[in-house]
Amino acid sequence: MKEFTQNGITLVFYQKPEDEKFSFLIKDNKEMTELLLSNVSKKRIKEKEIFFAKIGIFEKIEQNLLTKKQTQMNNPIIELAERCQNIYRE
């Protein structure tokens, strides 16, 4: 098992017994793992590909998080909800 952490996200590459390829997941985050797996073409990789795979995976994670934040910022319903929370908090 190999673990890599970047920006508070831990990526885990693991290998099943008698399997030459590694699978991967995001530690302690099943939802983000499922989202990631739906956005990558290779679900299992060889050991020599791990270095480049982790770079690409962390880039995909950052892109998805940035896109999600931009969508929330441009959504008028979310903006209205945040304004209401600010008003009624006082």
C-alpha atoms as a PDB file:
ATOM      1  CA  MET A   1       0.000   0.000   0.000  1.00  0.00           C
ATOM      2  CA  LYS A   2       1.292   3.459  -0.932  1.00  0.00           C
ATOM      3  CA  GLU A   3      -0.134   6.725   0.403  1.00  0.00           C
ATOM      4  CA  PHE A   4       0.344  10.261  -0.890  1.00  0.00           C
ATOM      5  CA  THR A   5      -1.096  13.393   0.721  1.00  0.00           C
ATOM      6  CA  GLN A   6      -1.623  16.769  -0.907  1.00  0.00           C
ATOM      7  CA  ASN A   7      -3.807  19.673   0.302  1.00  0.00           C
ATOM      8  CA  GLY A   8      -5.253  17.524   3.085  1.00  0.00           C
ATOM      9  CA  ILE A   9      -6.369  14.755   0.709  1.00  0.00           C
ATOM     10  CA  THR A  10      -4.763  11.325   1.029  1.00  0.00           C
ATOM     11  CA  LEU A  11      -4.606   9.146  -2.055  1.00  0.00           C
ATOM     12  CA  VAL A  12      -4.081   5.430  -1.396  1.00  0.00           C
ATOM     13  CA  PHE A  13      -2.802   2.922  -3.963  1.00  0.00           C
ATOM     14  CA  TYR A  14      -3.424  -0.656  -2.904  1.00  0.00           C
ATOM     15  CA  GLN A  15      -2.808  -4.040  -4.425  1.00  0.00           C
ATOM     16  CA  LYS A  16      -4.916  -7.146  -4.002  1.00  0.00           C
ATOM     17  CA  PRO A  17      -3.092 -10.426  -3.309  1.00  0.00           C
ATOM     18  CA  GLU A  18      -1.615 -12.010  -6.427  1.00  0.00           C
ATOM     19  CA  ASP A  19      -2.532  -8.972  -8.557  1.00  0.00           C
ATOM     20  CA  GLU A  20       0.176  -7.111 -10.452  1.00  0.00           C
ATOM     21  CA  LYS A  21      -1.838  -3.882 -10.760  1.00  0.00           C
ATOM     22  CA  PHE A  22      -2.758  -1.297  -8.160  1.00  0.00           C
ATOM     23  CA  SER A  23      -6.179   0.223  -7.524  1.00  0.00           C
ATOM     24  CA  PHE A  24      -6.642   3.582  -5.819  1.00  0.00           C
ATOM     25  CA  LEU A  25      -9.026   5.468  -3.573  1.00  0.00           C
ATOM     26  CA  ILE A  26      -9.255   8.653  -1.566  1.00  0.00           C
ATOM     27  CA  LYS A  27      -8.790   7.802   2.093  1.00  0.00           C
ATOM     28  CA  ASP A  28     -11.870   8.303   4.295  1.00  0.00           C
ATOM     29  CA  ASN A  29     -13.973   9.791   1.480  1.00  0.00           C
ATOM     30  CA  LYS A  30     -16.151   7.310  -0.403  1.00  0.00           C
ATOM     31  CA  GLU A  31     -18.114  10.003  -2.270  1.00  0.00           C
ATOM     32  CA  MET A  32     -14.990  11.677  -3.660  1.00  0.00           C
ATOM     33  CA  THR A  33     -13.528   8.278  -4.579  1.00  0.00           C
ATOM     34  CA  GLU A  34     -16.636   7.403  -6.599  1.00  0.00           C
ATOM     35  CA  LEU A  35     -16.535  10.793  -8.340  1.00  0.00           C
ATOM     36  CA  LEU A  36     -12.864  10.337  -9.138  1.00  0.00           C
ATOM     37  CA  LEU A  37     -13.320   6.807 -10.494  1.00  0.00           C
ATOM     38  CA  SER A  38     -16.119   8.001 -12.767  1.00  0.00           C
ATOM     39  CA  ASN A  39     -13.761  10.645 -14.233  1.00  0.00           C
ATOM     40  CA  VAL A  40     -10.681   8.534 -14.987  1.00  0.00           C
ATOM     41  CA  SER A  41     -10.088   6.140 -17.842  1.00  0.00           C
ATOM     42  CA  LYS A  42      -7.776   3.702 -15.994  1.00  0.00           C
ATOM     43  CA  LYS A  43      -9.027   2.262 -12.727  1.00  0.00           C
ATOM     44  CA  ARG A  44      -5.994   0.025 -12.166  1.00  0.00           C
ATOM     45  CA  ILE A  45      -2.351   0.774 -12.946  1.00  0.00           C
ATOM     46  CA  LYS A  46       1.054  -0.862 -12.844  1.00  0.00           C
ATOM     47  CA  GLU A  47       3.513   0.048 -10.095  1.00  0.00           C
ATOM     48  CA  LYS A  48       5.786   1.980 -12.465  1.00  0.00           C
ATOM     49  CA  GLU A  49       2.837   4.240 -13.434  1.00  0.00           C
ATOM     50  CA  ILE A  50       1.999   5.321  -9.865  1.00  0.00           C
ATOM     51  CA  PHE A  51       4.177   8.458  -9.873  1.00  0.00           C
ATOM     52  CA  PHE A  52       2.507   9.981 -12.927  1.00  0.00           C
ATOM     53  CA  ALA A  53      -0.934   8.690 -11.969  1.00  0.00           C
ATOM     54  CA  LYS A  54      -0.838  10.468  -8.600  1.00  0.00           C
ATOM     55  CA  ILE A  55       0.049  13.759 -10.294  1.00  0.00           C
ATOM     56  CA  GLY A  56      -2.869  13.404 -12.716  1.00  0.00           C
ATOM     57  CA  ILE A  57      -5.284  12.322  -9.991  1.00  0.00           C
ATOM     58  CA  PHE A  58      -4.442  15.272  -7.741  1.00  0.00           C
ATOM     59  CA  GLU A  59      -4.913  17.599 -10.748  1.00  0.00           C
ATOM     60  CA  LYS A  60      -8.348  16.076 -11.411  1.00  0.00           C
ATOM     61  CA  ILE A  61      -9.300  16.491  -7.752  1.00  0.00           C
ATOM     62  CA  GLU A  62      -8.298  20.167  -7.815  1.00  0.00           C
ATOM     63  CA  GLN A  63     -10.204  20.764 -11.069  1.00  0.00           C
ATOM     64  CA  ASN A  64     -13.350  19.137  -9.663  1.00  0.00           C
ATOM     65  CA  LEU A  65     -13.139  21.108  -6.416  1.00  0.00           C
ATOM     66  CA  LEU A  66     -12.592  24.392  -8.279  1.00  0.00           C
ATOM     67  CA  THR A  67     -15.478  23.660 -10.652  1.00  0.00           C
ATOM     68  CA  LYS A  68     -17.720  22.797  -7.721  1.00  0.00           C
ATOM     69  CA  LYS A  69     -16.823  26.048  -5.926  1.00  0.00           C
ATOM     70  CA  GLN A  70     -17.427  28.120  -9.072  1.00  0.00           C
ATOM     71  CA  THR A  71     -20.807  26.443  -9.600  1.00  0.00           C
ATOM     72  CA  GLN A  72     -21.813  27.205  -6.041  1.00  0.00           C
ATOM     73  CA  MET A  73     -20.697  30.827  -6.403  1.00  0.00           C
ATOM     74  CA  ASN A  74     -22.777  31.319  -9.547  1.00  0.00           C
ATOM     75  CA  ASN A  75     -25.880  29.584  -8.211  1.00  0.00           C
ATOM     76  CA  PRO A  76     -28.488  32.186  -7.157  1.00  0.00           C
ATOM     77  CA  ILE A  77     -30.253  29.737  -4.813  1.00  0.00           C
ATOM     78  CA  ILE A  78     -27.071  29.121  -2.856  1.00  0.00           C
ATOM     79  CA  GLU A  79     -26.326  32.848  -2.790  1.00  0.00           C
ATOM     80  CA  LEU A  80     -29.836  33.581  -1.446  1.00  0.00           C
ATOM     81  CA  ALA A  81     -29.504  30.873   1.212  1.00  0.00           C
ATOM     82  CA  GLU A  82     -26.165  32.299   2.366  1.00  0.00           C
ATOM     83  CA  ARG A  83     -27.634  35.813   2.579  1.00  0.00           C
ATOM     84  CA  CYS A  84     -30.597  34.554   4.618  1.00  0.00           C
ATOM     85  CA  GLN A  85     -28.272  32.727   6.985  1.00  0.00           C
ATOM     86  CA  ASN A  86     -26.264  35.896   7.478  1.00  0.00           C
ATOM     87  CA  ILE A  87     -29.388  37.974   8.191  1.00  0.00           C
ATOM     88  CA  TYR A  88     -31.026  35.559  10.628  1.00  0.00           C
ATOM     89  CA  ARG A  89     -27.809  34.716  12.420  1.00  0.00           C
ATOM     90  CA  GLU A  90     -27.883  38.219  13.923  1.00  0.00           C
END
